[in-house]
Amino acid sequence: MHMRNQAERHFGAHIEFLEGFKFKSQAFEGDVTHGAPVITDEPDPIGSNAGPSTPSMLAMAVGHCLSASLVETLRHAGIYVQSLSTEAVAVVVPNAEGNPRIKRIDVTIRPVVDKESGTIKRCIAVFENYCTVCQSIRPAIPVHVDVPYVVKQRVAA
């Protein structure tokens, strides 16, 4: 994420209760909305699985931010990402009082890059430092990241 020469950026969500445990959230920064509204819900047996749960949304945010940070780090090194898939899983367990808590988030990012380079390993070693979300929550929630990459040479036309 770029700060655009600003001391602070304010990201938020307008959240509206719908029914049961369903909410409609609209992301924004200032007076600019970001994307379409998202319906969230609690998983069964409390909710109806009508949308992502809050642990899934947190895993999504971490996985997205890490993926974007990796793509940006590789681009700066002159390595083209042909494709990339990420799986981010928030592991929820009961705490001592029996309340569910996020124990850790496991993230696997699978980029397909255009060439082999010693720089890839260096990029993988440092990209997490640039992830705003991951580095912000890591003091409270461990985040484990694995990056098994594949090299696929582009075919000249």
C-alpha atoms as a PDB file:
ATOM      1  CA  MET A   1       0.000   0.000   0.000  1.00  0.00           C
ATOM      2  CA  HIS A   2       1.295   3.433  -0.870  1.00  0.00           C
ATOM      3  CA  MET A   3       0.740   6.356   1.485  1.00  0.00           C
ATOM      4  CA  ARG A   4       0.433   8.849  -1.451  1.00  0.00           C
ATOM      5  CA  ASN A   5       2.418  11.495   0.452  1.00  0.00           C
ATOM      6  CA  GLN A   6      -0.184  11.500   3.233  1.00  0.00           C
ATOM      7  CA  ALA A   7       0.620  11.291   6.944  1.00  0.00           C
ATOM      8  CA  GLU A   8      -2.487   9.127   7.476  1.00  0.00           C
ATOM      9  CA  ARG A   9      -5.012   7.269   5.342  1.00  0.00           C
ATOM     10  CA  HIS A  10      -8.410   6.348   6.802  1.00  0.00           C
ATOM     11  CA  PHE A  11     -10.001   3.127   5.536  1.00  0.00           C
ATOM     12  CA  GLY A  12     -13.325   2.014   6.865  1.00  0.00           C
ATOM     13  CA  ALA A  13     -16.574   0.205   6.339  1.00  0.00           C
ATOM     14  CA  HIS A  14     -20.182   1.216   6.722  1.00  0.00           C
ATOM     15  CA  ILE A  15     -21.888  -1.805   8.273  1.00  0.00           C
ATOM     16  CA  GLU A  16     -25.632  -2.346   8.205  1.00  0.00           C
ATOM     17  CA  PHE A  17     -27.521  -5.066  10.103  1.00  0.00           C
ATOM     18  CA  LEU A  18     -29.790  -7.076   7.794  1.00  0.00           C
ATOM     19  CA  GLU A  19     -31.229 -10.017   9.764  1.00  0.00           C
ATOM     20  CA  GLY A  20     -30.149 -12.961  11.909  1.00  0.00           C
ATOM     21  CA  PHE A  21     -26.371 -12.550  11.896  1.00  0.00           C
ATOM     22  CA  LYS A  22     -26.125 -11.088   8.386  1.00  0.00           C
ATOM     23  CA  PHE A  23     -24.648  -7.661   7.768  1.00  0.00           C
ATOM     24  CA  LYS A  24     -23.981  -5.618   4.646  1.00  0.00           C
ATOM     25  CA  SER A  25     -20.618  -3.834   4.612  1.00  0.00           C
ATOM     26  CA  GLN A  26     -19.451  -1.145   2.211  1.00  0.00           C
ATOM     27  CA  ALA A  27     -15.722  -0.385   2.225  1.00  0.00           C
ATOM     28  CA  PHE A  28     -14.536   3.207   1.798  1.00  0.00           C
ATOM     29  CA  GLU A  29     -11.664   5.627   2.128  1.00  0.00           C
ATOM     30  CA  GLY A  30     -12.864   9.137   2.869  1.00  0.00           C
ATOM     31  CA  ASP A  31     -15.867   9.725   0.621  1.00  0.00           C
ATOM     32  CA  VAL A  32     -14.791   7.169  -2.016  1.00  0.00           C
ATOM     33  CA  THR A  33     -16.431   3.731  -1.851  1.00  0.00           C
ATOM     34  CA  HIS A  34     -14.319   0.677  -2.668  1.00  0.00           C
ATOM     35  CA  GLY A  35     -15.978  -2.132  -4.595  1.00  0.00           C
ATOM     36  CA  ALA A  36     -19.423  -3.578  -4.157  1.00  0.00           C
ATOM     37  CA  PRO A  37     -21.070  -4.109  -0.776  1.00  0.00           C
ATOM     38  CA  VAL A  38     -20.257  -7.431   0.877  1.00  0.00           C
ATOM     39  CA  ILE A  39     -22.718  -9.585   2.807  1.00  0.00           C
ATOM     40  CA  THR A  40     -21.131 -11.239   5.847  1.00  0.00           C
ATOM     41  CA  ASP A  41     -22.658 -13.847   8.117  1.00  0.00           C
ATOM     42  CA  GLU A  42     -21.733 -16.138  10.956  1.00  0.00           C
ATOM     43  CA  PRO A  43     -21.162 -19.795  10.122  1.00  0.00           C
ATOM     44  CA  ASP A  44     -23.697 -22.400  11.148  1.00  0.00           C
ATOM     45  CA  PRO A  45     -25.103 -23.267  13.601  1.00  0.00           C
ATOM     46  CA  ILE A  46     -25.448 -19.598  14.614  1.00  0.00           C
ATOM     47  CA  GLY A  47     -25.633 -18.011  11.177  1.00  0.00           C
ATOM     48  CA  SER A  48     -26.709 -19.270   7.788  1.00  0.00           C
ATOM     49  CA  ASN A  49     -23.389 -19.125   5.873  1.00  0.00           C
ATOM     50  CA  ALA A  50     -24.882 -16.424   3.613  1.00  0.00           C
ATOM     51  CA  GLY A  51     -21.495 -14.730   3.307  1.00  0.00           C
ATOM     52  CA  PRO A  52     -17.948 -14.877   4.580  1.00  0.00           C
ATOM     53  CA  SER A  53     -17.440 -15.090   8.326  1.00  0.00           C
ATOM     54  CA  THR A  54     -15.260 -12.576  10.132  1.00  0.00           C
ATOM     55  CA  PRO A  55     -12.346 -15.053  10.525  1.00  0.00           C
ATOM     56  CA  SER A  56     -12.555 -15.705   6.768  1.00  0.00           C
ATOM     57  CA  MET A  57     -12.541 -11.953   6.095  1.00  0.00           C
ATOM     58  CA  LEU A  58      -9.428 -11.555   8.250  1.00  0.00           C
ATOM     59  CA  ALA A  59      -7.741 -14.452   6.426  1.00  0.00           C
ATOM     60  CA  MET A  60      -8.758 -12.811   3.123  1.00  0.00           C
ATOM     61  CA  ALA A  61      -7.250  -9.492   4.153  1.00  0.00           C
ATOM     62  CA  VAL A  62      -3.989 -11.119   5.240  1.00  0.00           C
ATOM     63  CA  GLY A  63      -3.793 -13.326   2.134  1.00  0.00           C
ATOM     64  CA  HIS A  64      -4.579 -10.467  -0.232  1.00  0.00           C
ATOM     65  CA  CYS A  65      -2.079  -8.093   1.361  1.00  0.00           C
ATOM     66  CA  LEU A  66       0.693 -10.711   1.373  1.00  0.00           C
ATOM     67  CA  SER A  67      -0.049 -11.623  -2.263  1.00  0.00           C
ATOM     68  CA  ALA A  68       0.035  -7.978  -3.360  1.00  0.00           C
ATOM     69  CA  SER A  69       3.279  -7.421  -1.435  1.00  0.00           C
ATOM     70  CA  LEU A  70       4.890 -10.436  -3.122  1.00  0.00           C
ATOM     71  CA  VAL A  71       3.785  -9.330  -6.604  1.00  0.00           C
ATOM     72  CA  GLU A  72       5.119  -5.816  -5.985  1.00  0.00           C
ATOM     73  CA  THR A  73       8.432  -7.100  -4.593  1.00  0.00           C
ATOM     74  CA  LEU A  74       8.908  -9.429  -7.575  1.00  0.00           C
ATOM     75  CA  ARG A  75       8.024  -6.633 -10.042  1.00  0.00           C
ATOM     76  CA  HIS A  76      10.654  -4.371  -8.507  1.00  0.00           C
ATOM     77  CA  ALA A  77      13.164  -7.183  -9.089  1.00  0.00           C
ATOM     78  CA  GLY A  78      12.138  -7.476 -12.752  1.00  0.00           C
ATOM     79  CA  ILE A  79      10.377 -10.809 -12.283  1.00  0.00           C
ATOM     80  CA  TYR A  80       7.015 -11.138 -14.052  1.00  0.00           C
ATOM     81  CA  VAL A  81       4.251 -13.019 -12.210  1.00  0.00           C
ATOM     82  CA  GLN A  82       2.277 -14.989 -14.801  1.00  0.00           C
ATOM     83  CA  SER A  83      -0.292 -16.209 -12.296  1.00  0.00           C
ATOM     84  CA  LEU A  84      -0.691 -16.544  -8.579  1.00  0.00           C
ATOM     85  CA  SER A  85      -3.065 -18.341  -6.246  1.00  0.00           C
ATOM     86  CA  THR A  86      -3.240 -17.942  -2.505  1.00  0.00           C
ATOM     87  CA  GLU A  87      -4.935 -19.895   0.237  1.00  0.00           C
ATOM     88  CA  ALA A  88      -5.268 -18.231   3.638  1.00  0.00           C
ATOM     89  CA  VAL A  89      -6.797 -20.153   6.543  1.00  0.00           C
ATOM     90  CA  ALA A  90      -7.670 -18.695   9.946  1.00  0.00           C
ATOM     91  CA  VAL A  91      -7.418 -21.502  12.509  1.00  0.00           C
ATOM     92  CA  VAL A  92     -10.005 -20.965  15.266  1.00  0.00           C
ATOM     93  CA  VAL A  93      -9.799 -22.795  18.616  1.00  0.00           C
ATOM     94  CA  PRO A  94     -11.506 -22.333  21.993  1.00  0.00           C
ATOM     95  CA  ASN A  95      -9.571 -20.286  24.554  1.00  0.00           C
ATOM     96  CA  ALA A  96      -9.353 -21.177  28.273  1.00  0.00           C
ATOM     97  CA  GLU A  97     -12.892 -19.818  28.811  1.00  0.00           C
ATOM     98  CA  GLY A  98     -14.241 -21.812  25.847  1.00  0.00           C
ATOM     99  CA  ASN A  99     -14.632 -18.767  23.569  1.00  0.00           C
ATOM    100  CA  PRO A 100     -13.472 -19.154  19.962  1.00  0.00           C
ATOM    101  CA  ARG A 101     -10.246 -17.276  19.138  1.00  0.00           C
ATOM    102  CA  ILE A 102      -7.998 -17.141  16.089  1.00  0.00           C
ATOM    103  CA  LYS A 103      -4.925 -19.193  16.999  1.00  0.00           C
ATOM    104  CA  ARG A 104      -2.991 -18.529  13.761  1.00  0.00           C
ATOM    105  CA  ILE A 105      -3.358 -17.799  10.079  1.00  0.00           C
ATOM    106  CA  ASP A 106      -1.688 -20.142   7.582  1.00  0.00           C
ATOM    107  CA  VAL A 107      -1.001 -18.664   4.142  1.00  0.00           C
ATOM    108  CA  THR A 108       0.289 -20.479   1.058  1.00  0.00           C
ATOM    109  CA  ILE A 109       1.068 -18.321  -1.982  1.00  0.00           C
ATOM    110  CA  ARG A 110       1.777 -20.120  -5.268  1.00  0.00           C
ATOM    111  CA  PRO A 111       3.209 -17.754  -7.867  1.00  0.00           C
ATOM    112  CA  VAL A 112       4.140 -18.816 -11.374  1.00  0.00           C
ATOM    113  CA  VAL A 113       7.035 -16.631 -12.541  1.00  0.00           C
ATOM    114  CA  ASP A 114       8.634 -16.166 -15.944  1.00  0.00           C
ATOM    115  CA  LYS A 115      12.271 -16.929 -15.121  1.00  0.00           C
ATOM    116  CA  GLU A 116      14.527 -18.519 -12.547  1.00  0.00           C
ATOM    117  CA  SER A 117      16.588 -16.052 -10.586  1.00  0.00           C
ATOM    118  CA  GLY A 118      18.473 -15.977  -7.313  1.00  0.00           C
ATOM    119  CA  THR A 119      16.539 -12.787  -6.723  1.00  0.00           C
ATOM    120  CA  ILE A 120      13.316 -14.768  -6.257  1.00  0.00           C
ATOM    121  CA  LYS A 121      14.548 -16.260  -2.993  1.00  0.00           C
ATOM    122  CA  ARG A 122      15.606 -12.785  -1.804  1.00  0.00           C
ATOM    123  CA  CYS A 123      12.160 -11.384  -2.701  1.00  0.00           C
ATOM    124  CA  ILE A 124      10.461 -14.231  -0.806  1.00  0.00           C
ATOM    125  CA  ALA A 125      12.703 -13.550   2.188  1.00  0.00           C
ATOM    126  CA  VAL A 126      11.712  -9.850   2.437  1.00  0.00           C
ATOM    127  CA  PHE A 127       8.219  -9.340   0.948  1.00  0.00           C
ATOM    128  CA  GLU A 128       6.365  -9.968   4.230  1.00  0.00           C
ATOM    129  CA  ASN A 129       7.956  -6.816   5.666  1.00  0.00           C
ATOM    130  CA  TYR A 130       5.873  -4.737   3.235  1.00  0.00           C
ATOM    131  CA  CYS A 131       2.498  -6.294   4.087  1.00  0.00           C
ATOM    132  CA  THR A 132       0.513  -3.710   6.046  1.00  0.00           C
ATOM    133  CA  VAL A 133      -2.141  -6.110   7.357  1.00  0.00           C
ATOM    134  CA  CYS A 134       0.088  -9.073   8.197  1.00  0.00           C
ATOM    135  CA  GLN A 135       2.695  -7.017  10.016  1.00  0.00           C
ATOM    136  CA  SER A 136      -0.017  -5.133  11.909  1.00  0.00           C
ATOM    137  CA  ILE A 137      -1.728  -8.230  13.326  1.00  0.00           C
ATOM    138  CA  ARG A 138       1.360 -10.432  13.752  1.00  0.00           C
ATOM    139  CA  PRO A 139       2.095  -9.244  17.302  1.00  0.00           C
ATOM    140  CA  ALA A 140      -1.265 -10.742  18.341  1.00  0.00           C
ATOM    141  CA  ILE A 141      -1.834 -13.573  15.838  1.00  0.00           C
ATOM    142  CA  PRO A 142       0.943 -15.730  14.375  1.00  0.00           C
ATOM    143  CA  VAL A 143       0.941 -15.766  10.565  1.00  0.00           C
ATOM    144  CA  HIS A 144       2.743 -18.653   8.857  1.00  0.00           C
ATOM    145  CA  VAL A 145       3.630 -18.091   5.199  1.00  0.00           C
ATOM    146  CA  ASP A 146       4.819 -20.588   2.585  1.00  0.00           C
ATOM    147  CA  VAL A 147       5.702 -19.610  -1.000  1.00  0.00           C
ATOM    148  CA  PRO A 148       6.235 -22.626  -3.270  1.00  0.00           C
ATOM    149  CA  TYR A 149       6.884 -20.982  -6.640  1.00  0.00           C
ATOM    150  CA  VAL A 150       7.006 -22.403 -10.145  1.00  0.00           C
ATOM    151  CA  VAL A 151       9.080 -21.116 -13.061  1.00  0.00           C
ATOM    152  CA  LYS A 152       7.364 -21.271 -16.449  1.00  0.00           C
ATOM    153  CA  GLN A 153       9.287 -19.745 -19.324  1.00  0.00           C
ATOM    154  CA  ARG A 154       7.219 -17.548 -21.606  1.00  0.00           C
ATOM    155  CA  VAL A 155       7.084 -18.806 -25.169  1.00  0.00           C
ATOM    156  CA  ALA A 156       8.111 -16.229 -27.780  1.00  0.00           C
ATOM    157  CA  ALA A 157       5.472 -15.685 -30.443  1.00  0.00           C
END
